[in-house]
N, C-alpha and C. Protein backbone atom coordinates (compact mmCIF):
# COMPACT_ATOMS: atom_id res chain seq x y z
N MET A 1 5.70 122.27 67.71
CA MET A 1 6.25 123.57 68.06
C MET A 1 6.96 124.12 66.83
N SER A 2 6.69 125.34 66.48
CA SER A 2 7.30 125.94 65.30
C SER A 2 8.74 126.37 65.60
N GLU A 3 9.47 126.70 64.55
CA GLU A 3 10.88 127.10 64.71
C GLU A 3 11.01 128.42 65.48
N GLY A 4 10.05 129.32 65.30
CA GLY A 4 10.10 130.60 66.02
C GLY A 4 9.92 130.40 67.51
N MET A 5 8.98 129.55 67.89
CA MET A 5 8.78 129.29 69.30
C MET A 5 9.96 128.57 69.92
N LEU A 6 10.62 127.68 69.14
CA LEU A 6 11.81 126.98 69.62
C LEU A 6 12.96 127.98 69.83
N ALA A 7 13.09 128.96 68.95
CA ALA A 7 14.15 129.96 69.12
C ALA A 7 13.89 130.81 70.36
N ILE A 8 12.64 131.18 70.58
CA ILE A 8 12.30 131.98 71.77
C ILE A 8 12.53 131.14 73.03
N ALA A 9 12.13 129.87 73.00
CA ALA A 9 12.29 129.02 74.18
C ALA A 9 13.77 128.79 74.50
N THR A 10 14.62 128.68 73.46
CA THR A 10 16.04 128.48 73.70
C THR A 10 16.64 129.67 74.41
N GLY A 11 16.34 130.87 73.97
CA GLY A 11 16.84 132.07 74.63
C GLY A 11 16.31 132.19 76.05
N HIS A 12 15.05 131.84 76.22
CA HIS A 12 14.44 131.92 77.54
C HIS A 12 15.10 130.94 78.51
N VAL A 13 15.39 129.73 78.06
CA VAL A 13 16.07 128.75 78.91
C VAL A 13 17.48 129.23 79.26
N ALA A 14 18.16 129.88 78.32
CA ALA A 14 19.50 130.40 78.59
C ALA A 14 19.46 131.48 79.67
N ILE A 15 18.48 132.37 79.58
CA ILE A 15 18.34 133.43 80.59
C ILE A 15 18.00 132.85 81.95
N LEU A 16 17.09 131.88 81.98
CA LEU A 16 16.71 131.28 83.26
C LEU A 16 17.84 130.44 83.87
N SER A 17 18.66 129.82 83.02
CA SER A 17 19.77 129.04 83.58
C SER A 17 20.79 129.97 84.23
N LEU A 18 20.99 131.15 83.66
CA LEU A 18 21.88 132.13 84.28
C LEU A 18 21.33 132.58 85.63
N ALA A 19 20.02 132.84 85.69
CA ALA A 19 19.39 133.22 86.97
C ALA A 19 19.49 132.11 87.99
N PHE A 20 19.37 130.87 87.54
CA PHE A 20 19.47 129.73 88.47
C PHE A 20 20.88 129.59 88.99
N ILE A 21 21.88 129.78 88.15
CA ILE A 21 23.29 129.72 88.59
C ILE A 21 23.57 130.80 89.62
N ILE A 22 23.09 132.01 89.37
CA ILE A 22 23.30 133.11 90.34
C ILE A 22 22.62 132.78 91.67
N TYR A 23 21.43 132.21 91.61
CA TYR A 23 20.72 131.82 92.85
C TYR A 23 21.53 130.79 93.61
N MET A 24 22.08 129.80 92.92
CA MET A 24 22.85 128.76 93.60
C MET A 24 24.12 129.31 94.24
N VAL A 25 24.77 130.27 93.58
CA VAL A 25 25.99 130.87 94.15
C VAL A 25 25.64 131.65 95.41
N VAL A 26 24.57 132.43 95.36
CA VAL A 26 24.16 133.23 96.53
C VAL A 26 23.77 132.28 97.67
N ARG A 27 23.08 131.22 97.35
CA ARG A 27 22.67 130.25 98.39
C ARG A 27 23.89 129.57 99.01
N ALA A 28 24.87 129.20 98.20
CA ALA A 28 26.06 128.57 98.73
C ALA A 28 26.84 129.51 99.64
N ARG A 29 26.90 130.81 99.26
CA ARG A 29 27.57 131.79 100.11
C ARG A 29 26.85 131.93 101.46
N ARG A 30 25.53 131.92 101.45
CA ARG A 30 24.77 132.03 102.69
C ARG A 30 24.97 130.81 103.58
N ILE A 31 24.99 129.64 102.99
CA ILE A 31 25.20 128.41 103.75
C ILE A 31 26.60 128.42 104.37
N SER A 32 27.61 128.84 103.60
CA SER A 32 28.97 128.86 104.16
C SER A 32 29.08 129.89 105.27
N ALA A 33 28.37 131.01 105.14
CA ALA A 33 28.38 132.01 106.23
C ALA A 33 27.71 131.46 107.48
N GLU A 34 26.62 130.72 107.31
CA GLU A 34 25.96 130.12 108.48
C GLU A 34 26.86 129.10 109.16
N LYS A 35 27.59 128.30 108.38
CA LYS A 35 28.51 127.33 108.99
C LYS A 35 29.65 128.02 109.71
N ARG A 36 30.14 129.11 109.14
CA ARG A 36 31.21 129.87 109.79
C ARG A 36 30.71 130.46 111.11
N LEU A 37 29.48 130.97 111.10
CA LEU A 37 28.92 131.54 112.33
C LEU A 37 28.63 130.45 113.36
N ASP A 38 28.22 129.27 112.92
CA ASP A 38 28.05 128.16 113.84
C ASP A 38 29.37 127.78 114.51
N ALA A 39 30.44 127.81 113.74
CA ALA A 39 31.76 127.53 114.30
C ALA A 39 32.15 128.60 115.34
N LEU A 40 31.81 129.85 115.05
CA LEU A 40 32.10 130.91 116.00
C LEU A 40 31.29 130.73 117.30
N VAL A 41 30.07 130.27 117.18
CA VAL A 41 29.25 130.03 118.36
C VAL A 41 29.86 128.90 119.18
N GLN A 42 30.32 127.84 118.53
CA GLN A 42 30.94 126.74 119.26
C GLN A 42 32.22 127.20 119.97
N ILE A 43 33.02 127.99 119.29
CA ILE A 43 34.24 128.48 119.91
C ILE A 43 33.90 129.39 121.09
N SER A 44 32.88 130.21 120.94
CA SER A 44 32.44 131.09 122.02
C SER A 44 31.96 130.30 123.22
N ARG A 45 31.24 129.23 122.98
CA ARG A 45 30.77 128.39 124.08
C ARG A 45 31.92 127.70 124.80
N ILE A 46 32.88 127.22 124.02
CA ILE A 46 34.01 126.51 124.63
C ILE A 46 34.84 127.45 125.50
N THR A 47 35.10 128.64 125.00
CA THR A 47 35.94 129.58 125.75
C THR A 47 35.17 130.33 126.82
N GLY A 48 33.83 130.37 126.70
CA GLY A 48 33.03 131.08 127.69
C GLY A 48 33.17 132.59 127.54
N ASP A 49 33.48 133.05 126.35
CA ASP A 49 33.72 134.46 126.11
C ASP A 49 32.42 135.19 125.79
N ALA A 50 32.02 136.15 126.62
CA ALA A 50 30.79 136.89 126.40
C ALA A 50 30.92 137.88 125.25
N VAL A 51 32.12 138.35 124.97
CA VAL A 51 32.34 139.31 123.88
C VAL A 51 32.14 138.62 122.55
N GLY A 52 32.43 137.33 122.48
CA GLY A 52 32.29 136.57 121.23
C GLY A 52 30.85 136.55 120.75
N SER A 53 29.89 136.45 121.69
CA SER A 53 28.50 136.40 121.30
C SER A 53 28.06 137.74 120.70
N GLU A 54 28.60 138.84 121.19
CA GLU A 54 28.26 140.15 120.61
C GLU A 54 28.83 140.27 119.20
N GLU A 55 30.02 139.78 118.98
CA GLU A 55 30.60 139.79 117.63
C GLU A 55 29.79 138.93 116.68
N ILE A 56 29.29 137.81 117.18
CA ILE A 56 28.47 136.92 116.36
C ILE A 56 27.16 137.62 116.00
N ARG A 57 26.57 138.33 116.95
CA ARG A 57 25.33 139.04 116.68
C ARG A 57 25.52 140.10 115.59
N HIS A 58 26.64 140.82 115.63
CA HIS A 58 26.94 141.82 114.59
C HIS A 58 27.19 141.13 113.25
N ALA A 59 27.84 139.99 113.28
CA ALA A 59 28.08 139.27 112.02
C ALA A 59 26.79 138.81 111.39
N LEU A 60 25.85 138.39 112.21
CA LEU A 60 24.54 138.00 111.68
C LEU A 60 23.81 139.20 111.08
N GLY A 61 23.94 140.34 111.69
CA GLY A 61 23.29 141.55 111.18
C GLY A 61 23.91 142.03 109.89
N ALA A 62 25.19 141.77 109.71
CA ALA A 62 25.86 142.21 108.47
C ALA A 62 25.45 141.36 107.28
N ASP A 63 24.88 140.18 107.52
CA ASP A 63 24.50 139.27 106.44
C ASP A 63 23.08 139.50 105.92
N VAL A 64 22.38 140.49 106.48
CA VAL A 64 21.01 140.78 106.05
C VAL A 64 21.03 141.36 104.64
N ASP A 65 20.19 140.80 103.76
CA ASP A 65 20.15 141.24 102.37
C ASP A 65 18.99 142.23 102.22
N LEU A 66 19.34 143.51 102.04
CA LEU A 66 18.33 144.56 101.95
C LEU A 66 17.71 144.66 100.57
N GLN A 67 18.34 144.11 99.55
CA GLN A 67 17.83 144.20 98.18
C GLN A 67 17.21 142.90 97.69
N ARG A 68 16.81 142.05 98.60
CA ARG A 68 16.25 140.75 98.21
C ARG A 68 14.96 140.92 97.38
N LEU A 69 14.12 141.85 97.75
CA LEU A 69 12.87 142.07 97.03
C LEU A 69 13.13 142.52 95.60
N SER A 70 14.06 143.44 95.42
CA SER A 70 14.40 143.90 94.07
C SER A 70 15.01 142.79 93.23
N ARG A 71 15.84 141.96 93.86
CA ARG A 71 16.48 140.87 93.12
C ARG A 71 15.46 139.88 92.62
N TRP A 72 14.52 139.48 93.47
CA TRP A 72 13.51 138.53 93.01
C TRP A 72 12.52 139.16 92.05
N GLY A 73 12.30 140.46 92.17
CA GLY A 73 11.48 141.16 91.17
C GLY A 73 12.16 141.14 89.80
N THR A 74 13.47 141.27 89.78
CA THR A 74 14.21 141.21 88.49
C THR A 74 14.11 139.81 87.92
N VAL A 75 14.22 138.78 88.77
CA VAL A 75 14.08 137.40 88.27
C VAL A 75 12.70 137.18 87.67
N LEU A 76 11.66 137.65 88.32
CA LEU A 76 10.31 137.51 87.78
C LEU A 76 10.14 138.27 86.47
N ALA A 77 10.68 139.49 86.43
CA ALA A 77 10.54 140.29 85.20
C ALA A 77 11.25 139.65 84.02
N VAL A 78 12.41 139.08 84.27
CA VAL A 78 13.15 138.41 83.20
C VAL A 78 12.47 137.12 82.81
N PHE A 79 11.93 136.40 83.77
CA PHE A 79 11.24 135.16 83.47
C PHE A 79 10.01 135.42 82.58
N ALA A 80 9.34 136.51 82.81
CA ALA A 80 8.09 136.79 82.11
C ALA A 80 8.32 137.13 80.63
N ILE A 81 9.54 137.43 80.24
CA ILE A 81 9.82 137.75 78.84
C ILE A 81 9.47 136.58 77.92
N GLY A 82 9.78 135.37 78.34
CA GLY A 82 9.51 134.17 77.52
C GLY A 82 8.04 133.97 77.25
N PRO A 83 7.18 133.86 78.29
CA PRO A 83 5.77 133.69 78.03
C PRO A 83 5.14 134.83 77.24
N ILE A 84 5.63 136.06 77.46
CA ILE A 84 5.11 137.19 76.69
C ILE A 84 5.45 137.02 75.22
N ALA A 85 6.70 136.65 74.94
CA ALA A 85 7.13 136.50 73.54
C ALA A 85 6.39 135.37 72.86
N VAL A 86 6.24 134.24 73.54
CA VAL A 86 5.49 133.11 72.95
C VAL A 86 4.03 133.49 72.77
N GLY A 87 3.44 134.18 73.71
CA GLY A 87 2.06 134.60 73.61
C GLY A 87 1.83 135.59 72.48
N LEU A 88 2.82 136.43 72.20
CA LEU A 88 2.69 137.40 71.10
C LEU A 88 2.72 136.72 69.74
N PHE A 89 3.56 135.70 69.60
CA PHE A 89 3.76 135.09 68.28
C PHE A 89 2.99 133.81 68.10
N SER A 90 2.08 133.48 68.99
CA SER A 90 1.27 132.29 68.83
C SER A 90 -0.20 132.64 69.06
N ASP A 91 -1.05 131.66 68.98
CA ASP A 91 -2.47 131.91 69.20
C ASP A 91 -2.90 131.50 70.61
N MET A 92 -2.06 131.85 71.59
CA MET A 92 -2.36 131.55 72.99
C MET A 92 -2.41 132.86 73.77
N PRO A 93 -3.56 133.55 73.76
CA PRO A 93 -3.62 134.83 74.47
C PRO A 93 -3.51 134.67 76.00
N TRP A 94 -3.89 133.52 76.52
CA TRP A 94 -3.77 133.30 77.95
C TRP A 94 -2.31 133.30 78.40
N LEU A 95 -1.41 132.86 77.53
CA LEU A 95 0.00 132.86 77.86
C LEU A 95 0.55 134.30 77.90
N LEU A 96 0.08 135.10 76.97
CA LEU A 96 0.47 136.53 76.97
C LEU A 96 -0.06 137.22 78.24
N GLN A 97 -1.28 136.96 78.59
CA GLN A 97 -1.86 137.58 79.79
C GLN A 97 -1.14 137.13 81.05
N GLY A 98 -0.83 135.85 81.14
CA GLY A 98 -0.11 135.35 82.30
C GLY A 98 1.30 135.96 82.38
N GLY A 99 1.95 136.08 81.23
CA GLY A 99 3.28 136.70 81.22
C GLY A 99 3.24 138.16 81.64
N LEU A 100 2.19 138.88 81.21
CA LEU A 100 2.06 140.27 81.59
C LEU A 100 1.78 140.43 83.09
N VAL A 101 1.01 139.51 83.66
CA VAL A 101 0.76 139.55 85.10
C VAL A 101 2.05 139.31 85.86
N ILE A 102 2.85 138.33 85.45
CA ILE A 102 4.11 138.04 86.11
C ILE A 102 5.07 139.23 85.93
N GLU A 103 5.08 139.82 84.76
CA GLU A 103 5.95 141.00 84.52
C GLU A 103 5.58 142.16 85.42
N MET A 104 4.30 142.44 85.57
CA MET A 104 3.87 143.53 86.44
C MET A 104 4.18 143.23 87.91
N LEU A 105 4.03 141.96 88.30
CA LEU A 105 4.38 141.60 89.66
C LEU A 105 5.88 141.81 89.91
N GLY A 106 6.70 141.44 88.91
CA GLY A 106 8.15 141.64 89.03
C GLY A 106 8.51 143.11 89.12
N TRP A 107 7.90 143.93 88.25
CA TRP A 107 8.18 145.37 88.29
C TRP A 107 7.70 145.99 89.61
N GLY A 108 6.59 145.49 90.14
CA GLY A 108 6.12 146.00 91.43
C GLY A 108 7.09 145.66 92.54
N MET A 109 7.68 144.46 92.49
CA MET A 109 8.66 144.08 93.49
C MET A 109 9.95 144.92 93.34
N ILE A 110 10.34 145.19 92.11
CA ILE A 110 11.53 146.03 91.90
C ILE A 110 11.32 147.42 92.46
N ILE A 111 10.19 148.02 92.10
CA ILE A 111 9.89 149.40 92.57
C ILE A 111 9.73 149.40 94.10
N GLY A 112 9.03 148.40 94.64
CA GLY A 112 8.87 148.34 96.09
C GLY A 112 10.21 148.14 96.81
N GLY A 113 11.08 147.36 96.23
CA GLY A 113 12.40 147.16 96.83
C GLY A 113 13.26 148.39 96.80
N LYS A 114 13.09 149.22 95.76
CA LYS A 114 13.86 150.47 95.69
C LYS A 114 13.27 151.55 96.61
N MET A 115 11.94 151.59 96.72
CA MET A 115 11.30 152.60 97.57
C MET A 115 11.46 152.28 99.05
N TYR A 116 11.34 150.99 99.38
CA TYR A 116 11.42 150.56 100.79
C TYR A 116 12.50 149.46 100.90
N PRO A 117 13.76 149.84 100.93
CA PRO A 117 14.81 148.82 100.92
C PRO A 117 14.86 147.97 102.17
N GLY A 118 14.22 148.37 103.22
CA GLY A 118 14.18 147.57 104.45
C GLY A 118 15.19 148.08 105.46
N ASP A 119 14.70 148.36 106.62
CA ASP A 119 15.58 148.81 107.69
C ASP A 119 15.60 147.73 108.76
N GLN A 120 16.13 146.58 108.38
CA GLN A 120 16.17 145.46 109.30
C GLN A 120 17.35 145.63 110.25
N CYS A 121 17.11 145.36 111.49
CA CYS A 121 18.20 145.43 112.46
C CYS A 121 18.16 144.18 113.31
N VAL A 122 19.30 143.83 113.87
CA VAL A 122 19.39 142.66 114.70
C VAL A 122 18.87 143.00 116.10
N THR A 123 17.91 142.26 116.55
CA THR A 123 17.36 142.50 117.87
C THR A 123 17.92 141.47 118.85
N ASP A 124 17.94 141.83 120.09
CA ASP A 124 18.46 140.93 121.11
C ASP A 124 17.41 139.86 121.38
N SER A 125 17.80 138.59 121.30
CA SER A 125 16.84 137.50 121.49
C SER A 125 16.61 137.17 122.96
N ALA A 126 17.42 137.74 123.84
CA ALA A 126 17.24 137.43 125.27
C ALA A 126 16.21 138.28 125.93
């Protein structure tokens, strides 16, 4: 591996590690919210309170992530920078082509997430 490719790979790993840390923080927040809602369900069952279940349903609806598609499109677009850069400065055209495909997929997800942010609503399961 040449020094140029090593420099590109180092920057790429730094960018991806930041994306991985952000993913882990978001995942931990979602898990803690699920545990909190499970505790609310248990309290509601113990007390027999019908109003508690409605509050829980609204809390579940508030946790819906409408920008998930755009966020993952951004992760794909940032990830594709590394293979594109390595493909440009080496004799591996397949790596450049693969990076461009991933980049276009990421941009498509970003644009789709902005055009159709999602109108998800909580439906009654009963």
